[in-house]
Amino acid sequence: MNTPLSWIKAYVPDLDVTAQEYTDAMTLTGSKVEGYVCLDKNLEKIVVGQILSITRHPDADKLIICQVSVGAETVQIVTGASNVKTGDKIPVVLDGGKVAGGHDGGPLPEEGIRIKKGKLRGIESCGMMCSIEELGFSNEMYPDAPESGIYILPEDTVVGADAIEVLGLRDSVFEYEITSNRVDCYSVIGIAREAAATFHKPFVPPVVTATGNSEDIHD
């Protein structure tokens, strides 16, 4: 059974622990955690940017030069992506930041990839616009992501915001080994109730609202 920590916090809103603290305490109280994955591993200095203008690279037919607002400043980014246009909001890793992998969807390097200011065919580029693959994920988690190209964020996304937070990646996913005598932990609500008891925090059950209409099922 796999459960994101954010799902547990939906029912235990006062829970404030690290992934390792959660793993250790839950295992000690009988809900063995086999391991966990931090979704934001190797993702650093990635914000929401908006493309203000696009011009062609003077010395490369397949490259474009973008002026991108990242909130407090405007940065210049050179890219070969063909799916972006003026006004698009996209994840931008700033100079000195880090992404999880390359755009080819290959195995993720253990330490991620550090992005530094540099030049592409003589034009300065201060950061990089990100695809879902570079963030360490695929179309399975983000079905609206293009097969190849930059991930386009919703139009109402706030420029300069933490893109990892916007994408729901400030989270950890835990894998449990639930024994047959703990059937009460075979659901997210059951695990959340166990977490509330383990950390001595209030458990807030889901609110069930009756719905229906005036139809008679016997008619």
N, C-alpha and C. Protein backbone atom coordinates (compact mmCIF):
# COMPACT_ATOMS: atom_id res chain seq x y z
N MET A 1 0.84 -1.19 0.00
CA MET A 1 0.00 0.00 0.00
C MET A 1 0.88 1.25 0.00
N ASN A 2 0.59 2.20 -0.90
CA ASN A 2 1.35 3.43 -0.99
C ASN A 2 0.45 4.62 -0.65
N THR A 3 0.97 5.54 0.14
CA THR A 3 0.17 6.70 0.55
C THR A 3 1.02 7.96 0.60
N PRO A 4 0.62 9.03 -0.10
CA PRO A 4 1.32 10.32 0.05
C PRO A 4 1.06 10.91 1.43
N LEU A 5 2.04 11.61 1.97
CA LEU A 5 1.89 12.24 3.27
C LEU A 5 0.79 13.30 3.23
N SER A 6 0.61 13.96 2.09
CA SER A 6 -0.43 14.98 1.99
C SER A 6 -1.82 14.40 2.20
N TRP A 7 -2.03 13.14 1.81
CA TRP A 7 -3.33 12.50 2.03
C TRP A 7 -3.56 12.30 3.52
N ILE A 8 -2.50 11.94 4.24
CA ILE A 8 -2.63 11.75 5.69
C ILE A 8 -2.92 13.08 6.36
N LYS A 9 -2.25 14.13 5.91
CA LYS A 9 -2.45 15.45 6.52
C LYS A 9 -3.84 16.00 6.25
N ALA A 10 -4.52 15.47 5.24
CA ALA A 10 -5.90 15.90 5.00
C ALA A 10 -6.80 15.53 6.17
N TYR A 11 -6.45 14.46 6.90
CA TYR A 11 -7.23 14.00 8.04
C TYR A 11 -6.54 14.27 9.38
N VAL A 12 -5.25 14.60 9.31
CA VAL A 12 -4.49 14.95 10.52
C VAL A 12 -3.77 16.27 10.22
N PRO A 13 -4.53 17.37 10.14
CA PRO A 13 -3.96 18.65 9.67
C PRO A 13 -2.84 19.22 10.55
N ASP A 14 -2.77 18.81 11.81
CA ASP A 14 -1.72 19.32 12.70
C ASP A 14 -0.43 18.52 12.61
N LEU A 15 -0.39 17.51 11.76
CA LEU A 15 0.80 16.68 11.64
C LEU A 15 1.93 17.47 10.98
N ASP A 16 3.06 17.59 11.66
CA ASP A 16 4.20 18.35 11.16
C ASP A 16 5.48 17.57 11.46
N VAL A 17 5.82 16.65 10.59
CA VAL A 17 6.99 15.79 10.78
C VAL A 17 7.72 15.63 9.46
N THR A 18 8.98 15.25 9.55
CA THR A 18 9.74 14.93 8.35
C THR A 18 9.37 13.52 7.90
N ALA A 19 9.77 13.19 6.68
CA ALA A 19 9.48 11.86 6.16
C ALA A 19 10.15 10.78 7.01
N GLN A 20 11.37 11.04 7.47
CA GLN A 20 12.07 10.04 8.28
C GLN A 20 11.43 9.91 9.66
N GLU A 21 11.02 11.03 10.26
CA GLU A 21 10.35 10.98 11.56
C GLU A 21 9.05 10.19 11.46
N TYR A 22 8.32 10.40 10.39
CA TYR A 22 7.07 9.68 10.17
C TYR A 22 7.34 8.18 10.02
N THR A 23 8.34 7.85 9.22
CA THR A 23 8.70 6.44 8.99
C THR A 23 9.06 5.74 10.30
N ASP A 24 9.92 6.36 11.09
CA ASP A 24 10.39 5.74 12.34
C ASP A 24 9.25 5.55 13.33
N ALA A 25 8.45 6.58 13.53
CA ALA A 25 7.38 6.50 14.53
C ALA A 25 6.29 5.53 14.13
N MET A 26 5.88 5.56 12.87
CA MET A 26 4.82 4.65 12.42
C MET A 26 5.26 3.20 12.49
N THR A 27 6.53 2.95 12.16
CA THR A 27 7.05 1.58 12.22
C THR A 27 7.08 1.09 13.66
N LEU A 28 7.47 1.95 14.59
CA LEU A 28 7.54 1.57 16.00
C LEU A 28 6.16 1.27 16.59
N THR A 29 5.12 1.89 16.06
CA THR A 29 3.77 1.65 16.60
C THR A 29 3.01 0.58 15.84
N GLY A 30 3.69 -0.13 14.93
CA GLY A 30 3.07 -1.29 14.31
C GLY A 30 2.64 -1.15 12.87
N SER A 31 2.70 0.05 12.31
CA SER A 31 2.36 0.24 10.89
C SER A 31 3.68 0.37 10.12
N LYS A 32 4.26 -0.77 9.81
CA LYS A 32 5.61 -0.79 9.26
C LYS A 32 5.69 -0.07 7.93
N VAL A 33 6.60 0.90 7.87
CA VAL A 33 6.87 1.62 6.62
C VAL A 33 8.10 1.00 5.97
N GLU A 34 7.90 0.44 4.78
CA GLU A 34 9.00 -0.21 4.06
C GLU A 34 9.99 0.80 3.49
N GLY A 35 9.49 1.97 3.14
CA GLY A 35 10.36 3.00 2.58
C GLY A 35 9.52 4.16 2.09
N TYR A 36 10.20 5.18 1.60
CA TYR A 36 9.48 6.34 1.09
C TYR A 36 10.27 7.01 -0.03
N VAL A 37 9.56 7.78 -0.84
CA VAL A 37 10.16 8.53 -1.93
C VAL A 37 9.75 9.98 -1.78
N CYS A 38 10.72 10.88 -1.76
CA CYS A 38 10.44 12.31 -1.73
C CYS A 38 10.27 12.79 -3.18
N LEU A 39 9.07 13.27 -3.51
CA LEU A 39 8.79 13.66 -4.88
C LEU A 39 9.61 14.85 -5.34
N ASP A 40 10.07 15.68 -4.39
CA ASP A 40 10.85 16.86 -4.77
C ASP A 40 12.36 16.63 -4.68
N LYS A 41 12.77 15.37 -4.68
CA LYS A 41 14.19 15.07 -4.62
C LYS A 41 14.92 15.71 -5.80
N ASN A 42 16.02 16.39 -5.51
CA ASN A 42 16.88 17.02 -6.51
C ASN A 42 16.19 18.14 -7.29
N LEU A 43 15.14 18.71 -6.75
CA LEU A 43 14.48 19.84 -7.41
C LEU A 43 14.73 21.09 -6.56
N GLU A 44 15.51 22.02 -7.10
CA GLU A 44 15.89 23.22 -6.35
C GLU A 44 15.76 24.46 -7.22
N LYS A 45 15.33 25.56 -6.60
CA LYS A 45 15.24 26.87 -7.25
C LYS A 45 14.43 26.80 -8.55
N ILE A 46 13.25 26.23 -8.45
CA ILE A 46 12.36 26.11 -9.61
C ILE A 46 11.10 26.94 -9.33
N VAL A 47 10.86 27.94 -10.14
CA VAL A 47 9.75 28.86 -9.92
C VAL A 47 8.85 28.90 -11.16
N VAL A 48 7.71 29.56 -11.00
CA VAL A 48 6.81 29.77 -12.12
C VAL A 48 7.27 30.99 -12.91
N GLY A 49 7.50 30.81 -14.19
CA GLY A 49 7.88 31.92 -15.06
C GLY A 49 6.82 32.16 -16.12
N GLN A 50 6.83 33.34 -16.70
CA GLN A 50 5.92 33.65 -17.82
C GLN A 50 6.73 34.25 -18.96
N ILE A 51 6.54 33.71 -20.15
CA ILE A 51 7.28 34.15 -21.33
C ILE A 51 6.73 35.49 -21.79
N LEU A 52 7.59 36.51 -21.79
CA LEU A 52 7.19 37.86 -22.20
C LEU A 52 7.40 38.09 -23.69
N SER A 53 8.45 37.51 -24.25
CA SER A 53 8.72 37.67 -25.68
C SER A 53 9.59 36.53 -26.18
N ILE A 54 9.51 36.28 -27.47
CA ILE A 54 10.30 35.23 -28.11
C ILE A 54 10.90 35.78 -29.39
N THR A 55 12.21 35.57 -29.57
CA THR A 55 12.87 35.95 -30.82
C THR A 55 13.71 34.76 -31.29
N ARG A 56 13.98 34.76 -32.58
CA ARG A 56 14.79 33.69 -33.15
C ARG A 56 16.26 33.89 -32.80
N HIS A 57 16.95 32.77 -32.59
CA HIS A 57 18.40 32.83 -32.37
C HIS A 57 19.07 33.20 -33.68
N PRO A 58 19.99 34.14 -33.67
CA PRO A 58 20.60 34.58 -34.95
C PRO A 58 21.50 33.54 -35.60
N ASP A 59 21.98 32.57 -34.82
CA ASP A 59 22.94 31.61 -35.37
C ASP A 59 22.50 30.17 -35.22
N ALA A 60 21.21 29.93 -34.95
CA ALA A 60 20.73 28.55 -34.82
C ALA A 60 19.25 28.50 -35.15
N ASP A 61 18.93 27.78 -36.21
CA ASP A 61 17.54 27.73 -36.68
C ASP A 61 16.59 27.08 -35.68
N LYS A 62 17.09 26.17 -34.86
CA LYS A 62 16.21 25.43 -33.96
C LYS A 62 16.17 26.00 -32.55
N LEU A 63 16.83 27.12 -32.31
CA LEU A 63 16.83 27.73 -30.99
C LEU A 63 16.05 29.04 -31.00
N ILE A 64 15.41 29.34 -29.87
CA ILE A 64 14.73 30.62 -29.69
C ILE A 64 15.22 31.28 -28.41
N ILE A 65 15.10 32.60 -28.36
CA ILE A 65 15.53 33.37 -27.18
C ILE A 65 14.27 33.92 -26.51
N CYS A 66 14.08 33.57 -25.24
CA CYS A 66 12.88 33.97 -24.51
C CYS A 66 13.24 34.93 -23.38
N GLN A 67 12.47 35.99 -23.25
CA GLN A 67 12.55 36.85 -22.07
C GLN A 67 11.46 36.36 -21.13
N VAL A 68 11.85 35.96 -19.94
CA VAL A 68 10.93 35.28 -19.02
C VAL A 68 10.86 36.01 -17.69
N SER A 69 9.66 36.40 -17.29
CA SER A 69 9.47 36.99 -15.96
C SER A 69 9.38 35.87 -14.94
N VAL A 70 10.17 35.99 -13.87
CA VAL A 70 10.11 35.00 -12.79
C VAL A 70 9.67 35.65 -11.48
N GLY A 71 8.97 36.77 -11.62
CA GLY A 71 8.46 37.48 -10.45
C GLY A 71 9.25 38.72 -10.16
N ALA A 72 10.37 38.57 -9.47
CA ALA A 72 11.17 39.72 -9.05
C ALA A 72 12.06 40.26 -10.17
N GLU A 73 12.27 39.48 -11.22
CA GLU A 73 13.16 39.89 -12.30
C GLU A 73 12.76 39.21 -13.60
N THR A 74 13.40 39.66 -14.66
CA THR A 74 13.22 39.03 -15.97
C THR A 74 14.54 38.41 -16.38
N VAL A 75 14.51 37.15 -16.80
CA VAL A 75 15.73 36.45 -17.20
C VAL A 75 15.62 36.04 -18.66
N GLN A 76 16.76 35.89 -19.29
CA GLN A 76 16.82 35.44 -20.67
C GLN A 76 17.15 33.95 -20.71
N ILE A 77 16.33 33.20 -21.45
CA ILE A 77 16.54 31.76 -21.55
C ILE A 77 16.51 31.35 -23.01
N VAL A 78 17.52 30.62 -23.43
CA VAL A 78 17.59 30.07 -24.79
C VAL A 78 17.13 28.63 -24.73
N THR A 79 16.22 28.26 -25.62
CA THR A 79 15.68 26.90 -25.61
C THR A 79 15.46 26.39 -27.02
N GLY A 80 15.42 25.09 -27.15
CA GLY A 80 15.09 24.47 -28.43
C GLY A 80 13.66 23.95 -28.45
N ALA A 81 12.91 24.20 -27.38
CA ALA A 81 11.53 23.72 -27.31
C ALA A 81 10.66 24.42 -28.35
N SER A 82 9.79 23.66 -28.98
CA SER A 82 8.95 24.21 -30.05
C SER A 82 7.50 24.41 -29.63
N ASN A 83 7.17 24.07 -28.38
CA ASN A 83 5.76 24.12 -27.97
C ASN A 83 5.42 25.31 -27.09
N VAL A 84 6.33 26.29 -26.98
CA VAL A 84 6.05 27.44 -26.12
C VAL A 84 5.70 28.66 -26.97
N LYS A 85 4.95 29.58 -26.35
CA LYS A 85 4.56 30.82 -27.02
C LYS A 85 4.53 31.95 -26.00
N THR A 86 4.47 33.16 -26.47
CA THR A 86 4.40 34.33 -25.59
C THR A 86 3.15 34.23 -24.71
N GLY A 87 3.35 34.49 -23.41
CA GLY A 87 2.25 34.42 -22.45
C GLY A 87 2.19 33.13 -21.68
N ASP A 88 2.85 32.08 -22.17
CA ASP A 88 2.83 30.79 -21.46
C ASP A 88 3.49 30.91 -20.10
N LYS A 89 2.93 30.18 -19.13
CA LYS A 89 3.53 30.07 -17.80
C LYS A 89 4.14 28.69 -17.69
N ILE A 90 5.39 28.65 -17.26
CA ILE A 90 6.14 27.40 -17.29
C ILE A 90 7.02 27.28 -16.05
N PRO A 91 7.43 26.04 -15.70
CA PRO A 91 8.42 25.87 -14.62
C PRO A 91 9.80 26.31 -15.11
N VAL A 92 10.47 27.14 -14.31
CA VAL A 92 11.80 27.63 -14.69
C VAL A 92 12.78 27.32 -13.56
N VAL A 93 13.86 26.61 -13.89
CA VAL A 93 14.93 26.41 -12.91
C VAL A 93 15.93 27.54 -13.10
N LEU A 94 16.19 28.26 -12.01
CA LEU A 94 17.06 29.43 -12.07
C LEU A 94 18.53 29.03 -12.02
N ASP A 95 19.38 29.97 -12.32
CA ASP A 95 20.83 29.76 -12.27
C ASP A 95 21.23 29.21 -10.90
N GLY A 96 21.94 28.08 -10.89
CA GLY A 96 22.36 27.44 -9.64
C GLY A 96 21.38 26.44 -9.10
N GLY A 97 20.21 26.33 -9.73
CA GLY A 97 19.21 25.37 -9.29
C GLY A 97 19.49 23.97 -9.80
N LYS A 98 18.53 23.09 -9.59
CA LYS A 98 18.77 21.69 -9.94
C LYS A 98 17.47 21.05 -10.43
N VAL A 99 17.61 20.15 -11.41
CA VAL A 99 16.50 19.33 -11.87
C VAL A 99 16.84 17.87 -11.65
N ALA A 100 15.83 17.01 -11.75
CA ALA A 100 16.03 15.60 -11.43
C ALA A 100 16.72 14.83 -12.54
N GLY A 101 16.47 15.22 -13.79
CA GLY A 101 17.04 14.46 -14.89
C GLY A 101 17.00 15.23 -16.20
N GLY A 102 17.29 14.51 -17.28
CA GLY A 102 17.28 15.12 -18.60
C GLY A 102 15.92 15.03 -19.25
N HIS A 103 15.79 15.62 -20.42
CA HIS A 103 14.50 15.64 -21.12
C HIS A 103 14.23 14.36 -21.90
N ASP A 104 15.18 13.43 -21.90
CA ASP A 104 15.02 12.22 -22.69
C ASP A 104 14.26 11.12 -21.95
N GLY A 105 13.91 11.37 -20.68
CA GLY A 105 13.17 10.37 -19.92
C GLY A 105 14.00 9.18 -19.49
N GLY A 106 15.33 9.28 -19.57
CA GLY A 106 16.20 8.18 -19.17
C GLY A 106 16.32 8.07 -17.66
N PRO A 107 17.15 7.14 -17.17
CA PRO A 107 17.33 6.96 -15.72
C PRO A 107 17.77 8.26 -15.06
N LEU A 108 17.23 8.53 -13.87
CA LEU A 108 17.55 9.77 -13.18
C LEU A 108 18.89 9.65 -12.47
N PRO A 109 19.79 10.62 -12.65
CA PRO A 109 21.06 10.59 -11.93
C PRO A 109 20.83 10.77 -10.44
N GLU A 110 21.60 10.10 -9.62
CA GLU A 110 21.41 10.10 -8.18
C GLU A 110 21.44 11.51 -7.60
N GLU A 111 22.31 12.36 -8.09
CA GLU A 111 22.48 13.70 -7.55
C GLU A 111 21.75 14.77 -8.35
N GLY A 112 20.97 14.37 -9.36
CA GLY A 112 20.29 15.36 -10.18
C GLY A 112 21.25 16.08 -11.12
N ILE A 113 20.77 17.15 -11.75
CA ILE A 113 21.58 17.91 -12.70
C ILE A 113 21.55 19.39 -12.30
N ARG A 114 22.71 19.96 -12.06
CA ARG A 114 22.82 21.37 -11.68
C ARG A 114 22.77 22.24 -12.94
N ILE A 115 21.97 23.30 -12.88
CA ILE A 115 21.81 24.21 -14.02
C ILE A 115 22.57 25.50 -13.73
N LYS A 116 23.43 25.90 -14.66
CA LYS A 116 24.22 27.11 -14.48
C LYS A 116 24.07 28.04 -15.67
N LYS A 117 24.26 29.31 -15.41
CA LYS A 117 24.23 30.32 -16.47
C LYS A 117 25.31 29.99 -17.50
N GLY A 118 24.97 30.13 -18.76
CA GLY A 118 25.95 29.84 -19.81
C GLY A 118 25.53 30.45 -21.13
N LYS A 119 26.17 30.05 -22.20
CA LYS A 119 25.84 30.55 -23.53
C LYS A 119 25.51 29.40 -24.45
N LEU A 120 24.49 29.61 -25.28
CA LEU A 120 24.12 28.64 -26.32
C LEU A 120 24.31 29.31 -27.66
N ARG A 121 25.31 28.85 -28.38
CA ARG A 121 25.67 29.43 -29.68
C ARG A 121 25.88 30.94 -29.56
N GLY A 122 26.57 31.34 -28.48
CA GLY A 122 26.97 32.73 -28.30
C GLY A 122 25.96 33.62 -27.60
N ILE A 123 24.78 33.10 -27.27
CA ILE A 123 23.75 33.90 -26.61
C ILE A 123 23.60 33.44 -25.17
N GLU A 124 23.63 34.40 -24.23
CA GLU A 124 23.55 34.05 -22.81
C GLU A 124 22.18 33.48 -22.46
N SER A 125 22.21 32.43 -21.64
CA SER A 125 20.98 31.79 -21.14
C SER A 125 21.11 31.65 -19.64
N CYS A 126 20.14 32.22 -18.90
CA CYS A 126 20.21 32.28 -17.43
C CYS A 126 19.14 31.40 -16.80
N GLY A 127 19.27 30.11 -16.96
CA GLY A 127 18.28 29.18 -16.41
C GLY A 127 17.74 28.27 -17.50
N MET A 128 16.67 27.58 -17.18
CA MET A 128 16.11 26.62 -18.14
C MET A 128 14.62 26.41 -17.87
N MET A 129 13.84 26.37 -18.93
CA MET A 129 12.43 25.99 -18.80
C MET A 129 12.35 24.47 -18.75
N CYS A 130 11.43 23.94 -17.95
CA CYS A 130 11.46 22.51 -17.62
C CYS A 130 10.34 21.71 -18.27
N SER A 131 10.69 20.52 -18.69
CA SER A 131 9.70 19.52 -19.08
C SER A 131 9.37 18.66 -17.86
N ILE A 132 8.31 17.88 -17.95
CA ILE A 132 7.96 16.98 -16.86
C ILE A 132 9.06 15.94 -16.64
N GLU A 133 9.70 15.49 -17.72
CA GLU A 133 10.79 14.51 -17.59
C GLU A 133 11.96 15.09 -16.80
N GLU A 134 12.26 16.35 -17.00
CA GLU A 134 13.36 16.98 -16.27
C GLU A 134 13.03 17.14 -14.79
N LEU A 135 11.75 17.15 -14.46
CA LEU A 135 11.33 17.21 -13.06
C LEU A 135 11.27 15.81 -12.44
N GLY A 136 11.55 14.79 -13.24
CA GLY A 136 11.62 13.43 -12.73
C GLY A 136 10.36 12.61 -12.89
N PHE A 137 9.42 13.08 -13.71
CA PHE A 137 8.15 12.38 -13.84
C PHE A 137 7.81 12.13 -15.31
N SER A 138 6.61 11.62 -15.55
CA SER A 138 6.22 11.25 -16.90
C SER A 138 4.74 11.56 -17.12
N ASN A 139 4.25 11.21 -18.31
CA ASN A 139 2.84 11.43 -18.64
C ASN A 139 1.91 10.59 -17.79
N GLU A 140 2.42 9.55 -17.14
CA GLU A 140 1.56 8.75 -16.27
C GLU A 140 1.05 9.58 -15.10
N MET A 141 1.87 10.47 -14.57
CA MET A 141 1.46 11.31 -13.46
C MET A 141 0.87 12.63 -13.95
N TYR A 142 1.33 13.10 -15.11
CA TYR A 142 0.84 14.35 -15.68
C TYR A 142 0.39 14.07 -17.12
N PRO A 143 -0.82 13.53 -17.29
CA PRO A 143 -1.28 13.13 -18.63
C PRO A 143 -1.43 14.30 -19.60
N ASP A 144 -1.50 15.53 -19.08
CA ASP A 144 -1.63 16.69 -19.95
C ASP A 144 -0.28 17.21 -20.44
N ALA A 145 0.80 16.60 -19.98
CA ALA A 145 2.14 17.03 -20.40
C ALA A 145 2.40 16.60 -21.84
N PRO A 146 3.10 17.43 -22.63
CA PRO A 146 3.40 17.06 -24.02
C PRO A 146 4.39 15.90 -24.06
N GLU A 147 4.35 15.16 -25.15
CA GLU A 147 5.27 14.03 -25.31
C GLU A 147 6.71 14.49 -25.24
N SER A 148 7.00 15.62 -25.84
CA SER A 148 8.33 16.22 -25.74
C SER A 148 8.16 17.73 -25.79
N GLY A 149 8.70 18.38 -24.81
CA GLY A 149 8.55 19.83 -24.75
C GLY A 149 8.34 20.32 -23.33
N ILE A 150 8.24 21.63 -23.20
CA ILE A 150 8.10 22.27 -21.89
C ILE A 150 6.69 22.05 -21.35
N TYR A 151 6.59 21.86 -20.03
CA TYR A 151 5.27 21.70 -19.41
C TYR A 151 4.64 23.08 -19.24
N ILE A 152 3.41 23.24 -19.74
CA ILE A 152 2.70 24.51 -19.67
C ILE A 152 1.77 24.49 -18.46
N LEU A 153 1.94 25.45 -17.57
CA LEU A 153 1.14 25.55 -16.36
C LEU A 153 -0.18 26.27 -16.65
N PRO A 154 -1.19 26.12 -15.78
CA PRO A 154 -2.47 26.80 -15.98
C PRO A 154 -2.29 28.33 -16.04
N GLU A 155 -3.20 28.98 -16.76
CA GLU A 155 -3.10 30.42 -16.97
C GLU A 155 -3.18 31.22 -15.67
N ASP A 156 -3.89 30.69 -14.66
CA ASP A 156 -4.05 31.44 -13.41
C ASP A 156 -2.93 31.20 -12.40
N THR A 157 -1.88 30.48 -12.80
CA THR A 157 -0.75 30.24 -11.91
C THR A 157 -0.01 31.55 -11.63
N VAL A 158 0.40 31.75 -10.38
CA VAL A 158 1.05 33.00 -9.98
C VAL A 158 2.52 32.98 -10.39
N VAL A 159 2.93 34.00 -11.14
CA VAL A 159 4.33 34.12 -11.57
C VAL A 159 5.22 34.35 -10.35
N GLY A 160 6.33 33.62 -10.29
CA GLY A 160 7.26 33.73 -9.18
C GLY A 160 7.00 32.74 -8.06
N ALA A 161 5.86 32.05 -8.12
CA ALA A 161 5.53 31.07 -7.08
C ALA A 161 6.44 29.85 -7.18
N ASP A 162 6.47 29.07 -6.11
CA ASP A 162 7.24 27.83 -6.08
C ASP A 162 6.58 26.82 -7.02
N ALA A 163 7.22 26.53 -8.14
CA ALA A 163 6.63 25.65 -9.14
C ALA A 163 6.46 24.22 -8.62
N ILE A 164 7.35 23.81 -7.72
CA ILE A 164 7.26 22.45 -7.17
C ILE A 164 6.02 22.33 -6.29
N GLU A 165 5.72 23.38 -5.55
CA GLU A 165 4.50 23.41 -4.74
C GLU A 165 3.27 23.41 -5.64
N VAL A 166 3.31 24.22 -6.68
CA VAL A 166 2.19 24.31 -7.62
C VAL A 166 1.89 22.95 -8.25
N LEU A 167 2.92 22.20 -8.56
CA LEU A 167 2.77 20.89 -9.20
C LEU A 167 2.47 19.76 -8.20
N GLY A 168 2.36 20.10 -6.92
CA GLY A 168 2.03 19.10 -5.91
C GLY A 168 3.17 18.15 -5.57
N LEU A 169 4.40 18.62 -5.76
CA LEU A 169 5.55 17.75 -5.55
C LEU A 169 6.26 17.96 -4.22
N ARG A 170 5.76 18.87 -3.37
CA ARG A 170 6.31 19.00 -2.02
C ARG A 170 5.66 17.93 -1.15
N ASP A 171 5.99 16.70 -1.44
CA ASP A 171 5.28 15.58 -0.81
C ASP A 171 6.21 14.36 -0.78
N SER A 172 5.85 13.40 0.06
CA SER A 172 6.56 12.13 0.14
C SER A 172 5.54 11.01 0.06
N VAL A 173 5.90 9.94 -0.63
CA VAL A 173 5.01 8.79 -0.77
C VAL A 173 5.61 7.62 0.00
N PHE A 174 4.79 7.04 0.90
CA PHE A 174 5.25 5.97 1.77
C PHE A 174 4.69 4.63 1.33
N GLU A 175 5.52 3.60 1.45
CA GLU A 175 5.09 2.23 1.17
C GLU A 175 5.01 1.47 2.49
N TYR A 176 3.85 0.89 2.77
CA TYR A 176 3.63 0.19 4.03
C TYR A 176 3.58 -1.32 3.82
N GLU A 177 3.97 -2.03 4.86
CA GLU A 177 3.76 -3.48 4.91
C GLU A 177 2.71 -3.71 6.01
N ILE A 178 1.47 -3.83 5.59
CA ILE A 178 0.36 -3.99 6.54
C ILE A 178 0.10 -5.47 6.75
N THR A 179 0.20 -5.91 7.99
CA THR A 179 -0.02 -7.33 8.30
C THR A 179 -1.51 -7.66 8.33
N SER A 180 -1.84 -8.93 8.23
CA SER A 180 -3.23 -9.37 8.10
C SER A 180 -4.07 -9.08 9.33
N ASN A 181 -3.43 -8.85 10.46
CA ASN A 181 -4.19 -8.55 11.68
C ASN A 181 -4.47 -7.06 11.84
N ARG A 182 -4.06 -6.24 10.87
CA ARG A 182 -4.30 -4.79 10.94
C ARG A 182 -5.14 -4.34 9.74
N VAL A 183 -6.28 -4.99 9.57
CA VAL A 183 -7.15 -4.64 8.45
C VAL A 183 -7.69 -3.21 8.59
N ASP A 184 -7.62 -2.67 9.80
CA ASP A 184 -8.06 -1.29 10.00
C ASP A 184 -7.14 -0.29 9.29
N CYS A 185 -5.96 -0.76 8.89
CA CYS A 185 -5.01 0.12 8.20
C CYS A 185 -4.96 -0.14 6.70
N TYR A 186 -5.98 -0.81 6.18
CA TYR A 186 -6.01 -1.11 4.75
C TYR A 186 -6.59 0.05 3.93
N SER A 187 -6.77 1.20 4.54
CA SER A 187 -7.30 2.36 3.82
C SER A 187 -6.53 3.60 4.25
N VAL A 188 -6.67 4.68 3.47
CA VAL A 188 -6.01 5.93 3.81
C VAL A 188 -6.53 6.46 5.14
N ILE A 189 -7.84 6.37 5.34
CA ILE A 189 -8.43 6.85 6.60
C ILE A 189 -7.89 6.04 7.78
N GLY A 190 -7.73 4.73 7.58
CA GLY A 190 -7.19 3.89 8.65
C GLY A 190 -5.76 4.27 9.00
N ILE A 191 -4.94 4.50 7.98
CA ILE A 191 -3.55 4.91 8.22
C ILE A 191 -3.52 6.29 8.88
N ALA A 192 -4.41 7.19 8.45
CA ALA A 192 -4.46 8.53 9.04
C ALA A 192 -4.85 8.46 10.51
N ARG A 193 -5.80 7.59 10.84
CA ARG A 193 -6.21 7.44 12.24
C ARG A 193 -5.04 6.91 13.07
N GLU A 194 -4.26 6.00 12.50
CA GLU A 194 -3.09 5.45 13.19
C GLU A 194 -2.03 6.53 13.38
N ALA A 195 -1.85 7.38 12.36
CA ALA A 195 -0.87 8.46 12.45
C ALA A 195 -1.28 9.47 13.53
N ALA A 196 -2.58 9.75 13.61
CA ALA A 196 -3.07 10.68 14.64
C ALA A 196 -2.78 10.14 16.03
N ALA A 197 -3.00 8.83 16.22
CA ALA A 197 -2.74 8.22 17.52
C ALA A 197 -1.24 8.18 17.82
N THR A 198 -0.44 7.89 16.80
CA THR A 198 1.01 7.80 16.98
C THR A 198 1.62 9.14 17.39
N PHE A 199 1.16 10.21 16.77
CA PHE A 199 1.76 11.53 17.01
C PHE A 199 0.93 12.39 17.96
N HIS A 200 -0.12 11.79 18.53
CA HIS A 200 -0.98 12.50 19.50
C HIS A 200 -1.55 13.78 18.90
N LYS A 201 -2.10 13.65 17.70
CA LYS A 201 -2.70 14.78 17.01
C LYS A 201 -4.18 14.49 16.77
N PRO A 202 -5.01 15.53 16.67
CA PRO A 202 -6.44 15.32 16.42
C PRO A 202 -6.68 14.68 15.05
N PHE A 203 -7.59 13.72 15.02
CA PHE A 203 -8.01 13.10 13.76
C PHE A 203 -9.29 13.79 13.31
N VAL A 204 -9.28 14.29 12.08
CA VAL A 204 -10.44 14.98 11.53
C VAL A 204 -11.06 14.09 10.45
N PRO A 205 -12.15 13.39 10.76
CA PRO A 205 -12.74 12.47 9.79
C PRO A 205 -13.34 13.22 8.61
N PRO A 206 -13.49 12.55 7.48
CA PRO A 206 -14.11 13.20 6.32
C PRO A 206 -15.58 13.50 6.60
N VAL A 207 -16.05 14.57 6.04
CA VAL A 207 -17.46 14.96 6.19
C VAL A 207 -18.27 14.29 5.08
N VAL A 208 -19.23 13.50 5.48
CA VAL A 208 -20.08 12.79 4.52
C VAL A 208 -21.39 13.57 4.38
N THR A 209 -21.68 13.97 3.18
CA THR A 209 -22.89 14.74 2.91
C THR A 209 -23.87 13.90 2.11
N ALA A 210 -25.07 13.79 2.59
CA ALA A 210 -26.10 13.01 1.90
C ALA A 210 -26.50 13.71 0.61
N THR A 211 -26.53 12.95 -0.46
CA THR A 211 -26.97 13.48 -1.76
C THR A 211 -28.04 12.55 -2.33
N GLY A 212 -28.72 12.99 -3.33
CA GLY A 212 -29.73 12.15 -3.95
C GLY A 212 -30.80 12.99 -4.58
N ASN A 213 -31.87 12.35 -4.98
CA ASN A 213 -33.00 13.05 -5.57
C ASN A 213 -34.29 12.36 -5.15
N SER A 214 -35.36 12.77 -5.74
CA SER A 214 -36.66 12.27 -5.33
C SER A 214 -37.09 11.00 -6.06
N GLU A 215 -36.19 10.43 -6.87
CA GLU A 215 -36.55 9.23 -7.63
C GLU A 215 -36.74 8.04 -6.71
N ASP A 216 -37.69 7.20 -7.04
CA ASP A 216 -37.93 5.97 -6.30
C ASP A 216 -37.25 4.83 -7.03
N ILE A 217 -36.28 4.17 -6.37
CA ILE A 217 -35.52 3.13 -7.05
C ILE A 217 -36.37 1.92 -7.39
N HIS A 218 -37.59 1.83 -6.83
CA HIS A 218 -38.46 0.70 -7.10
C HIS A 218 -39.34 0.92 -8.34
N ASP A 219 -39.33 2.16 -8.86
CA ASP A 219 -40.15 2.43 -10.05
C ASP A 219 -39.52 1.84 -11.30
